[in-house]
Amino acid sequence: MKKAIFILSFLFSVSLNAQYYMITFVNVPAENQEEFVNIETEFWAEGKQANIDAGNQLAWGLVRKVGGNPNNSWTHAFINVYESAEKMTSPGIGPSGNLSSSLVTNGTLSSYQADFHWVVKSSIPQSGERLDGQVTVWNFANPKNLSGFINENINLWKPFFESNDTGRISWGVGLKLNPRSNNLSTVMTWDGYSSLAEALNSLDIDPSFNPPRGSKMDEYDPDGWTAQVIVQDIMWLN
């Protein structure tokens, strides 16, 4: 289930040129989660790997949200990664013909929530293999100064994380392309950690912490994060 190195820079790994990704949120009731994961990883993943091998996309992932009430929110998310917007919007290879209709219609086990399209603006790749149980903190924001937020992340925060031991094993910043509205986050950053404990410790408030010199984040994003969510790997393909 675990691939050696996730070749993309998304929530996790490699920084190439601009890369595009789509996050699909779904809600899976607790009683269906085991079967849902089995079907996705044993059957649907076959078609995803075929698309990757054919060059239609770069990577595919399935993660679970850590914590929260499974009855009124999303519980899992799919991440599809592409090298261009054209490939992100093009149909790929469907499921193989040997899948039974009950497996193809997996919507009976989950309810669709929403699709969101993003572009990677910058990232710090994870070195080496992905770790069992590794997690990522997704940080969402709706800054008043969108360009300022992104530029500061690239020019100040990225070098800061690269030169300081913060416990992160990967980092990145993405811009939402669609849908956009005043009520939705327009950007996200992600912080990868080797364990859930490391991620939880990172969310603790440290009153002694000083941001990089020259930071104007309080000006660019005075309201702070609109949401912070921990997700844990279930499966990654590349």
Protein backbone atom coordinates (compact mmCIF):
# COMPACT_ATOMS: atom_id res chain seq x y z
CA MET A 1 0.00 0.00 0.00
CA LYS A 2 2.88 2.32 0.57
CA LYS A 3 4.87 3.66 -2.35
CA ALA A 4 8.49 4.57 -1.93
CA ILE A 5 8.59 8.29 -2.62
CA PHE A 6 5.64 10.52 -3.36
CA ILE A 7 6.88 12.42 -6.42
CA LEU A 8 4.82 15.47 -5.92
CA SER A 9 5.23 18.41 -3.78
CA PHE A 10 1.77 18.50 -2.44
CA LEU A 11 0.93 17.86 1.07
CA PHE A 12 4.07 16.10 1.31
CA SER A 13 6.82 15.88 -1.18
CA VAL A 14 8.66 17.05 -4.20
CA SER A 15 8.84 20.55 -5.62
CA LEU A 16 8.92 20.69 -9.39
CA ASN A 17 7.14 23.25 -11.53
CA ALA A 18 3.60 24.35 -10.72
CA GLN A 19 1.48 21.33 -9.88
CA TYR A 20 -2.26 21.09 -9.57
CA TYR A 21 -4.33 19.04 -7.18
CA MET A 22 -7.96 18.32 -6.47
CA ILE A 23 -9.25 17.47 -3.00
CA THR A 24 -12.52 15.55 -2.82
CA PHE A 25 -14.14 15.40 0.60
CA VAL A 26 -16.47 12.54 1.50
CA ASN A 27 -18.36 11.48 4.61
CA VAL A 28 -18.21 7.79 5.54
CA PRO A 29 -20.33 6.60 8.49
CA ALA A 30 -18.31 4.75 11.12
CA GLU A 31 -19.98 1.41 10.35
CA ASN A 32 -18.92 1.66 6.67
CA GLN A 33 -15.34 2.86 7.04
CA GLU A 34 -13.58 -0.49 7.02
CA GLU A 35 -15.36 -1.67 3.88
CA PHE A 36 -14.92 1.73 2.24
CA VAL A 37 -11.16 1.70 2.79
CA ASN A 38 -10.87 -1.90 1.57
CA ILE A 39 -12.72 -1.14 -1.67
CA GLU A 40 -10.77 2.04 -2.35
CA THR A 41 -7.34 0.53 -1.68
CA GLU A 42 -7.90 -2.91 -3.22
CA PHE A 43 -10.02 -2.05 -6.25
CA TRP A 44 -10.34 1.66 -7.12
CA ALA A 45 -6.62 2.18 -6.60
CA GLU A 46 -5.99 -0.08 -9.61
CA GLY A 47 -7.51 2.50 -11.97
CA LYS A 48 -5.63 5.32 -10.28
CA GLN A 49 -2.33 3.51 -10.71
CA ALA A 50 -3.18 2.94 -14.38
CA ASN A 51 -3.70 6.69 -14.84
CA ILE A 52 -0.40 7.42 -13.14
CA ASP A 53 1.44 4.86 -15.25
CA ALA A 54 -0.14 6.34 -18.39
CA GLY A 55 1.00 9.84 -17.48
CA ASN A 56 -2.52 11.16 -16.93
CA GLN A 57 -1.75 12.23 -13.38
CA LEU A 58 1.18 12.34 -10.98
CA ALA A 59 -0.21 10.86 -7.80
CA TRP A 60 -3.30 9.81 -5.88
CA GLY A 61 -3.92 9.64 -2.15
CA LEU A 62 -6.56 8.71 0.38
CA VAL A 63 -6.43 10.21 3.87
CA ARG A 64 -8.67 10.14 6.92
CA LYS A 65 -9.48 13.10 9.11
CA VAL A 66 -8.29 12.70 12.69
CA GLY A 67 -11.01 13.50 15.23
CA GLY A 68 -14.31 15.26 14.74
CA ASN A 69 -17.89 14.02 14.54
CA PRO A 70 -18.32 11.60 11.60
CA ASN A 71 -22.06 12.27 11.47
CA ASN A 72 -21.96 15.90 10.38
CA SER A 73 -18.68 16.47 8.52
CA TRP A 74 -16.26 14.91 6.06
CA THR A 75 -14.28 11.94 7.33
CA HIS A 76 -12.00 11.14 4.39
CA ALA A 77 -10.47 12.94 1.44
CA PHE A 78 -9.04 11.93 -1.92
CA ILE A 79 -6.14 13.90 -3.39
CA ASN A 80 -5.51 13.69 -7.12
CA VAL A 81 -2.36 15.42 -8.37
CA TYR A 82 -1.59 16.59 -11.91
CA GLU A 83 1.17 18.38 -13.80
CA SER A 84 -1.23 20.81 -15.47
CA ALA A 85 -4.74 22.21 -15.30
CA GLU A 86 -5.44 20.54 -18.65
CA LYS A 87 -4.72 17.09 -17.24
CA MET A 88 -6.67 17.86 -14.08
CA THR A 89 -9.78 18.51 -16.18
CA SER A 90 -9.33 15.64 -18.66
CA PRO A 91 -11.00 12.24 -18.24
CA GLY A 92 -8.61 9.46 -17.39
CA ILE A 93 -8.77 5.69 -17.32
CA GLY A 94 -11.86 4.34 -15.57
CA PRO A 95 -12.13 1.29 -13.31
CA SER A 96 -11.26 -2.04 -14.89
CA GLY A 97 -14.02 -4.23 -16.30
CA ASN A 98 -13.52 -6.92 -13.68
CA LEU A 99 -14.99 -4.72 -10.93
CA SER A 100 -18.49 -5.76 -9.98
CA SER A 101 -21.24 -3.17 -10.15
CA SER A 102 -21.51 -3.19 -6.37
CA LEU A 103 -17.88 -2.13 -6.11
CA VAL A 104 -18.10 0.50 -8.83
CA THR A 105 -21.09 2.12 -7.13
CA ASN A 106 -19.22 2.72 -3.92
CA GLY A 107 -21.38 5.77 -3.23
CA THR A 108 -23.62 3.54 -1.13
CA LEU A 109 -20.91 3.52 1.54
CA SER A 110 -20.21 7.26 1.56
CA SER A 111 -21.73 10.62 0.73
CA TYR A 112 -20.01 13.13 -1.51
CA GLN A 113 -19.21 16.51 0.04
CA ALA A 114 -17.29 18.72 -2.42
CA ASP A 115 -14.41 19.03 -4.91
CA PHE A 116 -11.83 21.81 -4.65
CA HIS A 117 -9.15 22.64 -7.23
CA TRP A 118 -5.76 23.99 -6.13
CA VAL A 119 -2.32 24.86 -7.44
CA VAL A 120 0.92 24.35 -5.50
CA LYS A 121 2.77 27.67 -5.14
CA SER A 122 5.80 26.35 -3.24
CA SER A 123 6.83 23.40 -1.08
CA ILE A 124 9.57 21.67 0.86
CA PRO A 125 9.84 18.02 -0.19
CA GLN A 126 9.88 15.11 2.17
CA SER A 127 13.07 13.11 1.84
CA GLY A 128 12.99 9.33 1.80
CA GLU A 129 10.05 6.99 2.09
CA ARG A 130 6.70 7.93 3.51
CA LEU A 131 6.29 6.73 7.07
CA ASP A 132 3.60 4.45 8.44
CA GLY A 133 1.05 6.56 10.25
CA GLN A 134 2.50 9.87 9.15
CA VAL A 135 0.15 12.82 9.35
CA THR A 136 -0.26 16.27 7.84
CA VAL A 137 -1.79 19.41 9.32
CA TRP A 138 -3.91 21.25 6.76
CA ASN A 139 -4.14 24.96 7.55
CA PHE A 140 -6.82 26.98 5.74
CA ALA A 141 -7.06 30.76 5.53
CA ASN A 142 -8.87 33.58 3.75
CA PRO A 143 -6.30 36.40 3.92
CA LYS A 144 -7.16 39.99 3.19
CA ASN A 145 -3.99 40.31 1.10
CA LEU A 146 -3.76 37.12 -0.94
CA SER A 147 -0.56 37.97 -2.82
CA GLY A 148 1.14 39.16 0.37
CA PHE A 149 0.24 35.93 2.16
CA ILE A 150 1.61 33.72 -0.61
CA ASN A 151 4.75 35.78 -1.20
CA GLU A 152 5.61 35.84 2.49
CA ASN A 153 5.18 32.09 2.76
CA ILE A 154 7.52 31.60 -0.19
CA ASN A 155 10.13 34.22 0.71
CA LEU A 156 10.12 34.17 4.53
CA TRP A 157 8.47 31.08 5.98
CA LYS A 158 9.89 28.55 3.55
CA PRO A 159 13.53 29.59 4.22
CA PHE A 160 12.73 29.72 7.95
CA PHE A 161 11.47 26.13 7.94
CA GLU A 162 14.39 24.99 5.80
CA SER A 163 16.99 26.42 8.17
CA ASN A 164 15.33 25.60 11.53
CA ASP A 165 14.44 22.25 13.08
CA THR A 166 10.69 22.64 13.61
CA GLY A 167 9.82 18.95 13.52
CA ARG A 168 8.27 19.21 10.05
CA ILE A 169 9.13 16.59 7.47
CA SER A 170 7.40 18.51 4.66
CA TRP A 171 5.70 21.84 4.05
CA GLY A 172 3.86 23.67 1.30
CA VAL A 173 1.47 26.45 0.32
CA GLY A 174 -1.36 26.19 -2.19
CA LEU A 175 -3.80 28.60 -3.83
CA LYS A 176 -7.43 27.59 -4.35
CA LEU A 177 -8.55 27.96 -7.95
CA ASN A 178 -12.17 26.85 -7.66
CA PRO A 179 -14.63 27.39 -6.07
CA ARG A 180 -14.00 30.78 -4.50
CA SER A 181 -16.29 32.94 -2.38
CA ASN A 182 -16.10 35.32 0.55
CA ASN A 183 -17.05 32.48 2.88
CA LEU A 184 -14.45 29.96 1.73
CA SER A 185 -10.74 29.73 2.36
CA THR A 186 -8.61 30.85 -0.59
CA VAL A 187 -5.26 29.41 0.49
CA MET A 188 -3.91 26.50 2.47
CA THR A 189 -0.57 25.48 3.88
CA TRP A 190 0.42 22.01 5.02
CA ASP A 191 2.88 20.72 7.59
CA GLY A 192 3.94 17.09 7.50
CA TYR A 193 4.91 15.21 10.68
CA SER A 194 6.13 11.71 11.39
CA SER A 195 3.44 10.98 13.98
CA LEU A 196 0.17 12.24 15.40
CA ALA A 197 1.91 13.24 18.61
CA GLU A 198 4.31 15.47 16.67
CA ALA A 199 1.38 17.12 14.88
CA LEU A 200 -0.51 17.73 18.11
CA ASN A 201 2.57 19.23 19.74
CA SER A 202 2.96 21.60 16.79
CA LEU A 203 -0.52 22.99 17.40
CA ASP A 204 0.27 23.91 21.00
CA ILE A 205 0.78 27.65 21.53
CA ASP A 206 4.36 28.67 22.28
CA PRO A 207 4.37 32.22 23.72
CA SER A 208 8.13 32.48 23.17
CA PHE A 209 7.94 31.86 19.43
CA ASN A 210 9.09 34.70 17.17
CA PRO A 211 8.12 34.76 13.48
CA PRO A 212 10.75 35.39 10.81
CA ARG A 213 12.05 38.98 10.78
CA GLY A 214 10.05 41.15 8.44
CA SER A 215 6.85 39.15 8.70
CA LYS A 216 3.67 41.08 7.94
CA MET A 217 1.34 38.12 8.36
CA ASP A 218 -0.75 39.94 10.96
CA GLU A 219 -1.42 42.52 8.27
CA TYR A 220 -1.96 40.08 5.41
CA ASP A 221 -4.10 37.64 7.39
CA PRO A 222 -5.36 39.41 10.53
CA ASP A 223 -8.08 36.83 11.20
CA GLY A 224 -5.70 33.86 11.22
CA TRP A 225 -6.58 30.33 10.18
CA THR A 226 -10.19 29.61 9.30
CA ALA A 227 -9.58 25.92 10.08
CA GLN A 228 -6.78 23.52 11.00
CA VAL A 229 -7.28 19.81 10.41
CA ILE A 230 -5.03 16.80 10.92
CA VAL A 231 -5.21 14.08 8.27
CA GLN A 232 -3.50 10.69 8.32
CA ASP A 233 -2.31 8.66 5.35
CA ILE A 234 -4.28 5.60 4.34
CA MET A 235 -2.75 5.06 0.89
CA TRP A 236 -0.52 6.90 -1.59
CA LEU A 237 0.23 6.00 -5.18
CA ASN A 238 2.69 7.59 -7.58
